[in-house]
PDB file of N, CA and C in Angstrom:
ATOM      1  N   UNK A   1     -18.747   7.193  -8.330  1.00  0.00           N
ATOM      2  CA  UNK A   1     -17.829   8.497  -8.682  1.00  0.00           C
ATOM      3  C   UNK A   1     -17.742   8.504 -10.675  1.00  0.00           C
ATOM      4  N   UNK A   2     -17.697   9.999 -10.709  1.00  0.00           N
ATOM      5  CA  UNK A   2     -17.277   8.774 -12.525  1.00  0.00           C
ATOM      6  C   UNK A   2     -17.007   8.435 -13.058  1.00  0.00           C
ATOM      7  N   UNK A   3     -16.575   8.603 -13.766  1.00  0.00           N
ATOM      8  CA  UNK A   3     -15.558   7.204 -14.636  1.00  0.00           C
ATOM      9  C   UNK A   3     -14.825   8.223 -14.840  1.00  0.00           C
ATOM     10  N   UNK A   4     -14.368   9.193 -15.954  1.00  0.00           N
ATOM     11  CA  UNK A   4     -13.316  10.378 -15.659  1.00  0.00           C
ATOM     12  C   UNK A   4     -12.268   9.996 -14.424  1.00  0.00           C
ATOM     13  N   UNK A   5     -12.758   9.978 -13.605  1.00  0.00           N
ATOM     14  CA  UNK A   5     -11.521  10.582 -12.584  1.00  0.00           C
ATOM     15  C   UNK A   5     -11.402   8.259 -12.233  1.00  0.00           C
ATOM     16  N   UNK A   6     -11.616   7.563 -12.210  1.00  0.00           N
ATOM     17  CA  UNK A   6     -11.138   6.873 -11.753  1.00  0.00           C
ATOM     18  C   UNK A   6      -9.711   6.486 -12.098  1.00  0.00           C
ATOM     19  N   UNK A   7      -9.283   5.622 -13.616  1.00  0.00           N
ATOM     20  CA  UNK A   7      -8.609   5.906 -13.837  1.00  0.00           C
ATOM     21  C   UNK A   7      -6.877   6.739 -12.645  1.00  0.00           C
ATOM     22  N   UNK A   8      -6.940   7.737 -13.532  1.00  0.00           N
ATOM     23  CA  UNK A   8      -6.528   9.087 -12.322  1.00  0.00           C
ATOM     24  C   UNK A   8      -6.043   8.975 -11.449  1.00  0.00           C
ATOM     25  N   UNK A   9      -7.011   8.364  -9.830  1.00  0.00           N
ATOM     26  CA  UNK A   9      -7.511   7.856  -9.165  1.00  0.00           C
ATOM     27  C   UNK A   9      -6.408   6.983  -9.031  1.00  0.00           C
ATOM     28  N   UNK A  10      -6.612   5.119  -9.821  1.00  0.00           N
ATOM     29  CA  UNK A  10      -6.525   4.472  -9.733  1.00  0.00           C
ATOM     30  C   UNK A  10      -5.142   4.423  -8.931  1.00  0.00           C
ATOM     31  N   UNK A  11      -3.885   5.239 -10.928  1.00  0.00           N
ATOM     32  CA  UNK A  11      -2.793   5.649 -10.924  1.00  0.00           C
ATOM     33  C   UNK A  11      -1.780   6.091  -9.742  1.00  0.00           C
ATOM     34  N   UNK A  12      -3.107   7.148  -9.234  1.00  0.00           N
ATOM     35  CA  UNK A  12      -2.525   7.808  -7.162  1.00  0.00           C
ATOM     36  C   UNK A  12      -2.758   6.798  -6.605  1.00  0.00           C
ATOM     37  N   UNK A  13      -4.003   5.912  -6.412  1.00  0.00           N
ATOM     38  CA  UNK A  13      -3.128   5.481  -5.177  1.00  0.00           C
ATOM     39  C   UNK A  13      -2.880   3.410  -5.309  1.00  0.00           C
ATOM     40  N   UNK A  14      -1.883   3.572  -6.473  1.00  0.00           N
ATOM     41  CA  UNK A  14      -1.053   2.356  -7.780  1.00  0.00           C
ATOM     42  C   UNK A  14       0.594   4.107  -7.095  1.00  0.00           C
ATOM     43  N   UNK A  15       0.674   4.660  -7.570  1.00  0.00           N
ATOM     44  CA  UNK A  15       2.185   5.183  -6.986  1.00  0.00           C
ATOM     45  C   UNK A  15       2.280   5.524  -5.353  1.00  0.00           C
ATOM     46  N   UNK A  16       0.693   5.466  -4.527  1.00  0.00           N
ATOM     47  CA  UNK A  16       1.365   5.760  -3.336  1.00  0.00           C
ATOM     48  C   UNK A  16       1.521   4.629  -2.527  1.00  0.00           C
ATOM     49  N   UNK A  17       0.670   3.232  -3.514  1.00  0.00           N
ATOM     50  CA  UNK A  17       0.949   2.322  -2.466  1.00  0.00           C
ATOM     51  C   UNK A  17       2.518   2.159  -3.019  1.00  0.00           C
ATOM     52  N   UNK A  18       3.197   1.968  -4.142  1.00  0.00           N
ATOM     53  CA  UNK A  18       3.910   1.379  -4.023  1.00  0.00           C
ATOM     54  C   UNK A  18       5.583   2.318  -3.371  1.00  0.00           C
ATOM     55  N   UNK A  19       4.830   3.723  -3.119  1.00  0.00           N
ATOM     56  CA  UNK A  19       6.090   5.057  -2.472  1.00  0.00           C
ATOM     57  C   UNK A  19       6.015   3.779  -1.119  1.00  0.00           C
ATOM     58  N   UNK A  20       5.026   4.059  -0.309  1.00  0.00           N
ATOM     59  CA  UNK A  20       4.843   3.844   1.205  1.00  0.00           C
ATOM     60  C   UNK A  20       5.399   2.607   1.364  1.00  0.00           C
ATOM     61  N   UNK A  21       5.270   0.454   0.256  1.00  0.00           N
ATOM     62  CA  UNK A  21       6.010   0.024   0.554  1.00  0.00           C
ATOM     63  C   UNK A  21       7.738  -0.097   0.508  1.00  0.00           C
ATOM     64  N   UNK A  22       7.711   0.713  -1.263  1.00  0.00           N
ATOM     65  CA  UNK A  22       9.459   0.803  -1.655  1.00  0.00           C
ATOM     66  C   UNK A  22       9.701   1.555  -0.394  1.00  0.00           C
ATOM     67  N   UNK A  23       9.584   2.765   0.581  1.00  0.00           N
ATOM     68  CA  UNK A  23       9.505   3.781   1.535  1.00  0.00           C
ATOM     69  C   UNK A  23      10.005   2.565   2.692  1.00  0.00           C
ATOM     70  N   UNK A  24       9.401   1.869   3.471  1.00  0.00           N
ATOM     71  CA  UNK A  24       9.530   0.700   4.588  1.00  0.00           C
ATOM     72  C   UNK A  24      10.107  -0.022   4.372  1.00  0.00           C
ATOM     73  N   UNK A  25      10.344  -0.356   3.756  1.00  0.00           N
ATOM     74  CA  UNK A  25      11.415  -1.333   2.799  1.00  0.00           C
ATOM     75  C   UNK A  25      12.729  -0.966   2.780  1.00  0.00           C
ATOM     76  N   UNK A  26      12.790   0.194   2.985  1.00  0.00           N
ATOM     77  CA  UNK A  26      14.026   1.128   2.309  1.00  0.00           C
ATOM     78  C   UNK A  26      14.117   1.679   4.235  1.00  0.00           C
ATOM     79  N   UNK A  27      14.158   1.862   5.115  1.00  0.00           N
ATOM     80  CA  UNK A  27      14.242   2.190   5.697  1.00  0.00           C
ATOM     81  C   UNK A  27      14.307   1.114   7.039  1.00  0.00           C
ATOM     82  N   UNK A  28      13.720  -0.482   6.665  1.00  0.00           N
ATOM     83  CA  UNK A  28      14.203  -1.182   7.133  1.00  0.00           C
ATOM     84  C   UNK A  28      15.692  -1.997   6.115  1.00  0.00           C
ATOM     85  N   UNK A  29      15.456  -1.762   6.450  1.00  0.00           N
ATOM     86  CA  UNK A  29      17.313  -2.429   5.621  1.00  0.00           C
ATOM     87  C   UNK A  29      18.453  -1.469   6.573  1.00  0.00           C
ATOM     88  N   UNK A  30      18.215  -0.349   6.025  1.00  0.00           N
ATOM     89  CA  UNK A  30      19.157   0.992   6.527  1.00  0.00           C
ATOM     90  C   UNK A  30      18.995   0.720   7.538  1.00  0.00           C
ATOM     91  N   UNK A  31      18.228   0.480   7.729  1.00  0.00           N
ATOM     92  CA  UNK A  31      18.217   0.267  10.201  1.00  0.00           C
ATOM     93  C   UNK A  31      18.731  -1.054  10.380  1.00  0.00           C
ATOM     94  N   UNK A  32      18.823  -2.151   9.628  1.00  0.00           N
ATOM     95  CA  UNK A  32      19.055  -3.494   9.771  1.00  0.00           C
ATOM     96  C   UNK A  32      20.517  -3.248   9.582  1.00  0.00           C
ATOM     97  N   UNK A  33      20.835  -2.045   8.722  1.00  0.00           N
ATOM     98  CA  UNK A  33      22.110  -2.422   8.155  1.00  0.00           C
ATOM     99  C   UNK A  33      22.623  -1.175   9.157  1.00  0.00           C
ATOM    100  N   UNK A  34      22.773  -0.531   9.834  1.00  0.00           N
ATOM    101  CA  UNK A  34      23.205   0.373  10.822  1.00  0.00           C
ATOM    102  C   UNK A  34      23.035  -0.097  11.954  1.00  0.00           C
ATOM    103  N   UNK A  35      22.085  -1.360  12.721  1.00  0.00           N
ATOM    104  CA  UNK A  35      22.569  -2.284  13.778  1.00  0.00           C
ATOM    105  C   UNK A  35      23.100  -3.234  13.731  1.00  0.00           C
ATOM    106  N   UNK A  36      23.728  -3.495  11.986  1.00  0.00           N
ATOM    107  CA  UNK A  36      24.849  -4.420  12.066  1.00  0.00           C
ATOM    108  C   UNK A  36      26.296  -4.138  11.526  1.00  0.00           C
ATOM    109  N   UNK A  37      26.350  -2.420  11.383  1.00  0.00           N
ATOM    110  CA  UNK A  37      27.571  -2.251  11.483  1.00  0.00           C
ATOM    111  C   UNK A  37      28.138  -1.951  12.913  1.00  0.00           C
ATOM    112  N   UNK A  38      26.764  -1.305  14.173  1.00  0.00           N
ATOM    113  CA  UNK A  38      27.423  -1.037  15.750  1.00  0.00           C
ATOM    114  C   UNK A  38      27.475  -1.922  15.883  1.00  0.00           C
ATOM    115  N   UNK A  39      27.316  -3.585  15.779  1.00  0.00           N
ATOM    116  CA  UNK A  39      26.880  -4.642  16.310  1.00  0.00           C
ATOM    117  C   UNK A  39      25.959  -4.981  17.364  1.00  0.00           C
ATOM    118  N   UNK A  40      25.016  -3.978  16.917  1.00  0.00           N
ATOM    119  CA  UNK A  40      23.681  -4.713  17.632  1.00  0.00           C
ATOM    120  C   UNK A  40      22.259  -5.673  16.859  1.00  0.00           C
ATOM    121  N   UNK A  41      22.157  -6.687  16.651  1.00  0.00           N
ATOM    122  CA  UNK A  41      21.431  -7.367  16.520  1.00  0.00           C
ATOM    123  C   UNK A  41      19.875  -7.599  15.821  1.00  0.00           C
ATOM    124  N   UNK A  42      19.644  -7.399  15.335  1.00  0.00           N
ATOM    125  CA  UNK A  42      17.968  -7.081  14.967  1.00  0.00           C
ATOM    126  C   UNK A  42      17.236  -7.723  15.867  1.00  0.00           C
ATOM    127  N   UNK A  43      16.547  -7.521  16.537  1.00  0.00           N
ATOM    128  CA  UNK A  43      15.634  -7.604  17.102  1.00  0.00           C
ATOM    129  C   UNK A  43      14.411  -8.461  16.385  1.00  0.00           C
ATOM    130  N   UNK A  44      14.454  -9.956  16.413  1.00  0.00           N
ATOM    131  CA  UNK A  44      13.361 -10.736  15.080  1.00  0.00           C
ATOM    132  C   UNK A  44      12.080 -10.593  15.307  1.00  0.00           C
ATOM    133  N   UNK A  45      11.412 -10.272  17.053  1.00  0.00           N
ATOM    134  CA  UNK A  45      10.538  -9.952  17.009  1.00  0.00           C
ATOM    135  C   UNK A  45       9.452  -8.715  17.393  1.00  0.00           C
ATOM    136  N   UNK A  46      10.642  -7.202  17.018  1.00  0.00           N
ATOM    137  CA  UNK A  46       9.953  -6.267  16.469  1.00  0.00           C
ATOM    138  C   UNK A  46      10.230  -6.348  14.754  1.00  0.00           C
ATOM    139  N   UNK A  47      11.394  -6.867  13.738  1.00  0.00           N
ATOM    140  CA  UNK A  47      10.729  -6.996  12.408  1.00  0.00           C
ATOM    141  C   UNK A  47       9.788  -7.990  12.650  1.00  0.00           C
ATOM    142  N   UNK A  48       8.891  -7.976  12.844  1.00  0.00           N
ATOM    143  CA  UNK A  48       7.831  -9.904  12.890  1.00  0.00           C
ATOM    144  C   UNK A  48       6.680  -8.836  12.582  1.00  0.00           C
ATOM    145  N   UNK A  49       6.571  -7.995  13.246  1.00  0.00           N
ATOM    146  CA  UNK A  49       5.249  -6.898  13.875  1.00  0.00           C
ATOM    147  C   UNK A  49       5.451  -6.462  12.725  1.00  0.00           C
ATOM    148  N   UNK A  50       7.002  -5.595  12.262  1.00  0.00           N
ATOM    149  CA  UNK A  50       7.309  -4.601  11.000  1.00  0.00           C
ATOM    150  C   UNK A  50       6.821  -5.138  10.248  1.00  0.00           C
ATOM    151  N   UNK A  51       6.961  -6.422  10.067  1.00  0.00           N
ATOM    152  CA  UNK A  51       6.771  -7.102   8.813  1.00  0.00           C
ATOM    153  C   UNK A  51       5.564  -6.962   8.484  1.00  0.00           C
ATOM    154  N   UNK A  52       3.970  -7.919   9.678  1.00  0.00           N
ATOM    155  CA  UNK A  52       3.033  -7.812   9.834  1.00  0.00           C
ATOM    156  C   UNK A  52       2.154  -6.530   9.987  1.00  0.00           C
ATOM    157  N   UNK A  53       3.187  -5.450  10.255  1.00  0.00           N
ATOM    158  CA  UNK A  53       2.145  -4.465   9.512  1.00  0.00           C
ATOM    159  C   UNK A  53       2.006  -3.874   7.922  1.00  0.00           C
ATOM    160  N   UNK A  54       3.200  -3.660   7.671  1.00  0.00           N
ATOM    161  CA  UNK A  54       3.420  -4.285   6.041  1.00  0.00           C
ATOM    162  C   UNK A  54       2.314  -4.774   5.025  1.00  0.00           C
ATOM    163  N   UNK A  55       2.108  -5.874   5.974  1.00  0.00           N
ATOM    164  CA  UNK A  55       1.368  -7.029   4.936  1.00  0.00           C
ATOM    165  C   UNK A  55      -0.239  -5.984   5.275  1.00  0.00           C
ATOM    166  N   UNK A  56      -0.322  -5.367   6.452  1.00  0.00           N
ATOM    167  CA  UNK A  56      -2.184  -5.179   7.127  1.00  0.00           C
ATOM    168  C   UNK A  56      -1.714  -3.840   5.636  1.00  0.00           C
ATOM    169  N   UNK A  57      -1.221  -3.676   6.054  1.00  0.00           N
ATOM    170  CA  UNK A  57      -0.951  -2.420   4.021  1.00  0.00           C
ATOM    171  C   UNK A  57      -1.371  -2.608   2.491  1.00  0.00           C
ATOM    172  N   UNK A  58      -0.696  -3.385   2.885  1.00  0.00           N
ATOM    173  CA  UNK A  58      -0.802  -4.084   1.099  1.00  0.00           C
ATOM    174  C   UNK A  58      -1.917  -4.817   0.699  1.00  0.00           C
ATOM    175  N   UNK A  59      -2.968  -5.571   2.025  1.00  0.00           N
ATOM    176  CA  UNK A  59      -4.278  -5.500   2.492  1.00  0.00           C
ATOM    177  C   UNK A  59      -5.330  -4.255   2.251  1.00  0.00           C
ATOM    178  N   UNK A  60      -4.381  -3.315   3.005  1.00  0.00           N
ATOM    179  CA  UNK A  60      -6.034  -2.613   2.466  1.00  0.00           C
ATOM    180  C   UNK A  60      -6.110  -1.717   1.839  1.00  0.00           C
ATOM    181  N   UNK A  61      -4.611  -1.429   0.710  1.00  0.00           N
ATOM    182  CA  UNK A  61      -4.539  -1.157  -0.753  1.00  0.00           C
ATOM    183  C   UNK A  61      -5.399  -2.054  -1.687  1.00  0.00           C
ATOM    184  N   UNK A  62      -4.787  -3.543  -1.266  1.00  0.00           N
ATOM    185  CA  UNK A  62      -5.832  -3.860  -2.283  1.00  0.00           C
ATOM    186  C   UNK A  62      -7.379  -4.052  -1.740  1.00  0.00           C
ATOM    187  N   UNK A  63      -8.136  -3.504  -1.055  1.00  0.00           N
ATOM    188  CA  UNK A  63      -9.379  -3.883  -0.533  1.00  0.00           C
ATOM    189  C   UNK A  63     -10.240  -1.727  -1.460  1.00  0.00           C
ATOM    190  N   UNK A  64      -9.153  -1.364  -0.807  1.00  0.00           N
ATOM    191  CA  UNK A  64      -9.631   0.680  -1.733  1.00  0.00           C
ATOM    192  C   UNK A  64      -9.354   0.039  -3.226  1.00  0.00           C
ATOM    193  N   UNK A  65      -8.601  -0.667  -4.184  1.00  0.00           N
ATOM    194  CA  UNK A  65      -8.506  -0.235  -4.920  1.00  0.00           C
ATOM    195  C   UNK A  65      -9.652  -2.101  -5.860  1.00  0.00           C
ATOM    196  N   UNK A  66      -9.976  -2.859  -5.260  1.00  0.00           N
ATOM    197  CA  UNK A  66     -11.531  -3.353  -4.873  1.00  0.00           C
ATOM    198  C   UNK A  66     -12.133  -2.834  -4.734  1.00  0.00           C
ATOM    199  N   UNK A  67     -12.254  -2.093  -4.278  1.00  0.00           N
ATOM    200  CA  UNK A  67     -13.796  -1.546  -4.261  1.00  0.00           C
ATOM    201  C   UNK A  67     -13.026   0.338  -5.393  1.00  0.00           C
ATOM    202  N   UNK A  68     -12.410  -0.092  -5.627  1.00  0.00           N
ATOM    203  CA  UNK A  68     -12.702   1.423  -6.831  1.00  0.00           C
ATOM    204  C   UNK A  68     -12.549   0.531  -8.128  1.00  0.00           C
ATOM    205  N   UNK A  69     -12.188  -0.395  -8.819  1.00  0.00           N
ATOM    206  CA  UNK A  69     -12.957  -1.632  -8.985  1.00  0.00           C
ATOM    207  C   UNK A  69     -14.851  -1.339  -9.078  1.00  0.00           C
ATOM    208  N   UNK A  70     -14.630  -1.712  -8.388  1.00  0.00           N
ATOM    209  CA  UNK A  70     -16.043  -2.002  -8.264  1.00  0.00           C
ATOM    210  C   UNK A  70     -17.862  -1.306  -8.488  1.00  0.00           C
ATOM    211  N   UNK A  71     -16.946   0.224  -8.457  1.00  0.00           N
ATOM    212  CA  UNK A  71     -17.025   1.252  -8.601  1.00  0.00           C
ATOM    213  C   UNK A  71     -17.651   1.639 -10.416  1.00  0.00           C
ATOM    214  N   UNK A  72     -16.284   0.892 -10.715  1.00  0.00           N
ATOM    215  CA  UNK A  72     -16.196   0.961 -12.458  1.00  0.00           C
ATOM    216  C   UNK A  72     -17.560   0.586 -12.949  1.00  0.00           C
ATOM    217  N   UNK A  73     -18.025  -0.232 -12.091  1.00  0.00           N
ATOM    218  CA  UNK A  73     -18.393  -1.734 -13.432  1.00  0.00           C
ATOM    219  C   UNK A  73     -20.168  -1.301 -13.075  1.00  0.00           C
ATOM    220  N   UNK A  74     -19.607  -0.676 -11.475  1.00  0.00           N
ATOM    221  CA  UNK A  74     -21.588  -0.217 -11.002  1.00  0.00           C
ATOM    222  C   UNK A  74     -22.612   0.535 -12.609  1.00  0.00           C
ATOM    223  N   UNK A  75     -22.812   0.830 -12.835  1.00  0.00           N
ATOM    224  CA  UNK A  75     -24.170   1.671 -13.794  1.00  0.00           C
ATOM    225  C   UNK A  75     -24.443   2.652 -12.869  1.00  0.00           C
ATOM    226  N   UNK A  76     -24.854   3.847 -13.515  1.00  0.00           N
ATOM    227  CA  UNK A  76     -24.574   4.349 -13.356  1.00  0.00           C
ATOM    228  C   UNK A  76     -25.875   5.324 -12.390  1.00  0.00           C
ATOM    229  N   UNK A  77     -26.532   5.738 -11.431  1.00  0.00           N
ATOM    230  CA  UNK A  77     -28.054   6.075 -10.737  1.00  0.00           C
ATOM    231  C   UNK A  77     -28.322   6.549 -11.792  1.00  0.00           C
ATOM    232  N   UNK A  78     -30.098   6.286 -11.578  1.00  0.00           N
ATOM    233  CA  UNK A  78     -30.773   6.877 -12.148  1.00  0.00           C
ATOM    234  C   UNK A  78     -31.404   6.693 -14.633  1.00  0.00           C
ATOM    235  N   UNK A  79     -30.413   5.494 -14.306  1.00  0.00           N
ATOM    236  CA  UNK A  79     -30.289   5.265 -15.769  1.00  0.00           C
ATOM    237  C   UNK A  79     -29.791   5.620 -17.169  1.00  0.00           C
ATOM    238  N   UNK A  80     -29.414   5.316 -18.346  1.00  0.00           N
ATOM    239  CA  UNK A  80     -29.375   5.743 -19.371  1.00  0.00           C
ATOM    240  C   UNK A  80     -30.103   6.189 -19.923  1.00  0.00           C
ATOM    241  N   UNK A  81     -30.139   8.180 -19.716  1.00  0.00           N
ATOM    242  CA  UNK A  81     -31.585   8.700 -20.613  1.00  0.00           C
ATOM    243  C   UNK A  81     -31.211   8.568 -22.282  1.00  0.00           C
TER     244      UNK A  81
END
C-alpha cells in the first residue's frame, strides 16, 4: 500500500466504524423506547446477542486498523534506491 493512501484510508475506516456503531446504538435505543411505550419488555436474550454482535464488529475494526498500521511500518519492497 502506498504511504499516501494510509491516512485517508485510516480516516475513512474510523468514520465508517464510528457511523456503524453510532447507528446501531441509536437503533437499539429507539427500538427499546418504542417497545417500552407499547408496554412490551425488552428481550434480554436478543439484546445480549445484539451487544455481542456489536463487540465482534468492534474487534474486526480494531484488527483492520492494526493491519493498516503494520502495513505502514513495513519497508517498501525492493529496498531504497
